[in-house]
Amino acid sequence: MPNYRRAFVPGGTWFFTVNLLEGKNNDLLIREVDLLRETVRAVKQRYPFQIDAWVVLPEHIHAVWTLPPGDADFSKRWRLIKSGFSRALPLTEYRSSVRKASGERGIWQRHFWEHLIRDEKDFERHVDYVHVNPVKHGLVSQVNQWPYSSFHRYVEKGIYPENWCGELEVSIKGDE
């Protein structure tokens, strides 16, 4: 078994992937996108962080965050987002006996994936990945067609042109 360790760099920037437990044919995150937004806003008020890039897909989220100087606790923020979102939903999902015994909901995967951003090029590459993801998954043919993305904020700021990536043909659906 690998000796997995998270990188905790106060004031650092990270790329995240956070998945629902039951991903296939699950559109919960876009169906409940307003609740997700409210939950994120509430957590940001208590534990500030900057959302550098964000995309909500039907069954997972990609995000790039920067934490305040002196703060490296991204895990607390994700825990509060996941639990706040889950508590606001009716208890209708399947829960394994293990999850029932531990009082857990059956909405999110327990863990998330994070990558510490190393430099400007790494940042740009991950922000691009976040924004192109709806095309990669075959949800739209152009990045600007997906409404649940920080891409539109980047266009408003003049960072990306409206037609960034143009029409893409994506034959593979799914993350690496």
Protein backbone atom coordinates (compact mmCIF):
# COMPACT_ATOMS: atom_id res chain seq x y z
CA MET A 1 0.00 0.00 0.00
CA PRO A 2 1.43 3.41 -0.90
CA ASN A 3 2.30 5.88 1.82
CA TYR A 4 -0.03 8.66 0.67
CA ARG A 5 0.56 12.14 2.05
CA ARG A 6 -1.23 15.34 1.28
CA ALA A 7 0.77 18.49 0.64
CA PHE A 8 -0.13 21.25 3.08
CA VAL A 9 1.28 24.57 1.93
CA PRO A 10 -0.18 27.61 3.72
CA GLY A 11 -1.58 30.03 1.16
CA GLY A 12 -1.09 27.44 -1.58
CA THR A 13 -3.11 26.81 -4.72
CA TRP A 14 -4.59 23.39 -5.48
CA PHE A 15 -6.49 21.59 -8.21
CA PHE A 16 -9.27 19.31 -6.95
CA THR A 17 -11.56 16.62 -8.29
CA VAL A 18 -14.52 15.76 -6.07
CA ASN A 19 -16.88 12.97 -7.13
CA LEU A 20 -20.33 11.77 -6.23
CA LEU A 21 -20.44 8.22 -4.91
CA GLU A 22 -22.78 7.00 -7.65
CA GLY A 23 -21.46 8.75 -10.73
CA LYS A 24 -23.03 6.98 -13.68
CA ASN A 25 -26.29 8.54 -14.86
CA ASN A 26 -26.33 10.86 -11.87
CA ASP A 27 -27.06 14.53 -12.53
CA LEU A 28 -27.44 15.57 -8.89
CA LEU A 29 -24.84 18.34 -8.96
CA ILE A 30 -26.37 20.24 -11.87
CA ARG A 31 -29.92 19.46 -10.72
CA GLU A 32 -29.03 20.97 -7.31
CA VAL A 33 -26.48 23.53 -8.53
CA ASP A 34 -28.17 26.39 -6.63
CA LEU A 35 -27.90 24.46 -3.36
CA LEU A 36 -24.26 23.69 -4.15
CA ARG A 37 -23.58 27.39 -4.81
CA GLU A 38 -25.29 28.42 -1.55
CA THR A 39 -23.28 25.84 0.38
CA VAL A 40 -19.98 26.99 -1.13
CA ARG A 41 -20.84 30.63 -0.38
CA ALA A 42 -21.61 29.78 3.26
CA VAL A 43 -18.34 27.88 3.69
CA LYS A 44 -16.36 30.69 2.02
CA GLN A 45 -17.84 33.18 4.49
CA ARG A 46 -16.65 31.14 7.49
CA TYR A 47 -13.40 29.85 5.98
CA PRO A 48 -12.31 32.14 3.14
CA PHE A 49 -10.65 30.88 -0.02
CA GLN A 50 -10.38 32.08 -3.59
CA ILE A 51 -11.98 30.08 -6.38
CA ASP A 52 -9.57 30.48 -9.29
CA ALA A 53 -11.46 28.07 -11.57
CA TRP A 54 -14.51 25.88 -11.15
CA VAL A 55 -16.70 23.57 -13.18
CA VAL A 56 -19.69 21.59 -11.96
CA LEU A 57 -20.51 18.54 -14.03
CA PRO A 58 -23.45 16.20 -13.42
CA GLU A 59 -21.49 13.88 -11.11
CA HIS A 60 -18.22 15.59 -10.25
CA ILE A 61 -16.53 18.94 -9.66
CA HIS A 62 -13.14 20.25 -10.72
CA ALA A 63 -11.79 23.31 -8.97
CA VAL A 64 -8.65 25.37 -8.52
CA TRP A 65 -8.49 27.14 -5.17
CA THR A 66 -6.05 29.44 -3.44
CA LEU A 67 -6.14 29.57 0.35
CA PRO A 68 -5.32 32.62 2.45
CA PRO A 69 -1.76 33.15 3.70
CA GLY A 70 -1.07 30.97 6.72
CA ASP A 71 -3.95 28.57 5.95
CA ALA A 72 -3.59 25.12 4.36
CA ASP A 73 -6.81 23.43 5.52
CA PHE A 74 -8.57 22.72 2.24
CA SER A 75 -9.87 19.41 3.69
CA LYS A 76 -12.06 21.23 6.23
CA ARG A 77 -13.58 23.34 3.48
CA TRP A 78 -14.39 20.33 1.29
CA ARG A 79 -15.78 18.44 4.30
CA LEU A 80 -18.08 21.37 5.11
CA ILE A 81 -19.18 21.78 1.48
CA LYS A 82 -19.92 18.07 1.10
CA SER A 83 -21.69 17.72 4.45
CA GLY A 84 -23.66 20.97 4.11
CA PHE A 85 -24.85 20.01 0.64
CA SER A 86 -25.76 16.49 1.78
CA ARG A 87 -27.65 17.59 4.90
CA ALA A 88 -29.84 19.91 2.81
CA LEU A 89 -31.03 17.04 0.61
CA PRO A 90 -33.74 14.55 1.56
CA LEU A 91 -32.47 11.12 2.60
CA THR A 92 -33.41 9.12 -0.49
CA GLU A 93 -30.10 7.64 -1.68
CA TYR A 94 -28.95 4.08 -1.11
CA ARG A 95 -26.57 3.73 1.85
CA SER A 96 -24.44 0.70 2.53
CA SER A 97 -24.52 -0.84 6.00
CA VAL A 98 -21.04 0.62 6.61
CA ARG A 99 -22.24 4.14 5.78
CA LYS A 100 -25.38 3.70 7.88
CA ALA A 101 -23.33 2.49 10.85
CA SER A 102 -21.03 5.51 10.62
CA GLY A 103 -23.90 7.96 10.07
CA GLU A 104 -22.72 8.85 6.56
CA ARG A 105 -24.81 9.78 3.60
CA GLY A 106 -24.39 7.93 0.32
CA ILE A 107 -23.87 11.02 -1.84
CA TRP A 108 -20.13 11.76 -2.07
CA GLN A 109 -17.08 9.60 -2.43
CA ARG A 110 -15.25 9.78 0.89
CA HIS A 111 -12.05 11.19 -0.54
CA PHE A 112 -11.17 13.73 -3.18
CA TRP A 113 -8.15 14.14 -5.38
CA GLU A 114 -5.88 17.16 -5.03
CA HIS A 115 -2.77 18.42 -6.74
CA LEU A 116 -0.62 21.24 -5.39
CA ILE A 117 -0.07 23.79 -8.17
CA ARG A 118 3.68 24.28 -8.61
CA ASP A 119 4.02 27.30 -10.89
CA GLU A 120 2.23 29.56 -13.38
CA LYS A 121 2.38 27.02 -16.22
CA ASP A 122 0.93 24.31 -13.97
CA PHE A 123 -1.81 26.78 -12.93
CA GLU A 124 -2.71 27.62 -16.53
CA ARG A 125 -2.74 23.95 -17.53
CA HIS A 126 -5.12 23.03 -14.71
CA VAL A 127 -7.42 26.02 -15.28
CA ASP A 128 -7.63 25.04 -18.96
CA TYR A 129 -8.41 21.45 -17.93
CA VAL A 130 -11.21 22.65 -15.65
CA HIS A 131 -12.78 24.70 -18.41
CA VAL A 132 -12.53 22.14 -21.21
CA ASN A 133 -13.91 19.30 -19.08
CA PRO A 134 -17.58 19.58 -20.18
CA VAL A 135 -16.42 19.16 -23.80
CA LYS A 136 -14.17 16.27 -22.83
CA HIS A 137 -17.17 14.49 -21.32
CA GLY A 138 -19.33 15.12 -24.39
CA LEU A 139 -21.78 17.36 -22.55
CA VAL A 140 -21.32 20.23 -25.03
CA SER A 141 -19.35 20.79 -28.22
CA GLN A 142 -17.97 24.21 -27.21
CA VAL A 143 -16.63 25.32 -23.83
CA ASN A 144 -18.82 28.44 -23.83
CA GLN A 145 -21.99 26.30 -23.96
CA TRP A 146 -21.59 24.91 -20.44
CA PRO A 147 -23.28 27.22 -17.91
CA TYR A 148 -21.77 25.79 -14.69
CA SER A 149 -18.23 26.99 -15.17
CA SER A 150 -15.93 29.85 -14.26
CA PHE A 151 -15.04 29.99 -17.97
CA HIS A 152 -17.61 32.77 -18.44
CA ARG A 153 -15.89 34.87 -15.74
CA TYR A 154 -12.58 34.40 -17.58
CA VAL A 155 -14.19 35.60 -20.82
CA GLU A 156 -15.59 38.70 -19.04
CA LYS A 157 -12.09 39.49 -17.75
CA GLY A 158 -10.60 39.10 -21.25
CA ILE A 159 -8.46 36.08 -20.30
CA TYR A 160 -10.13 33.73 -22.79
CA PRO A 161 -11.90 34.64 -26.03
CA GLU A 162 -15.57 33.59 -26.15
CA ASN A 163 -14.78 30.89 -28.74
CA TRP A 164 -11.78 29.44 -26.84
CA CYS A 165 -11.15 25.89 -28.05
CA GLY A 166 -13.79 26.34 -30.76
CA GLU A 167 -15.59 23.16 -31.81
CA LEU A 168 -13.88 20.13 -30.37
CA GLU A 169 -14.53 16.52 -31.22
CA VAL A 170 -14.07 14.39 -28.17
CA SER A 171 -14.31 10.64 -28.59
CA ILE A 172 -13.34 9.59 -25.06
CA LYS A 173 -15.72 10.31 -22.20
CA GLY A 174 -14.30 10.17 -18.69
CA ASP A 175 -11.44 11.50 -16.69
CA GLU A 176 -7.90 10.25 -16.82
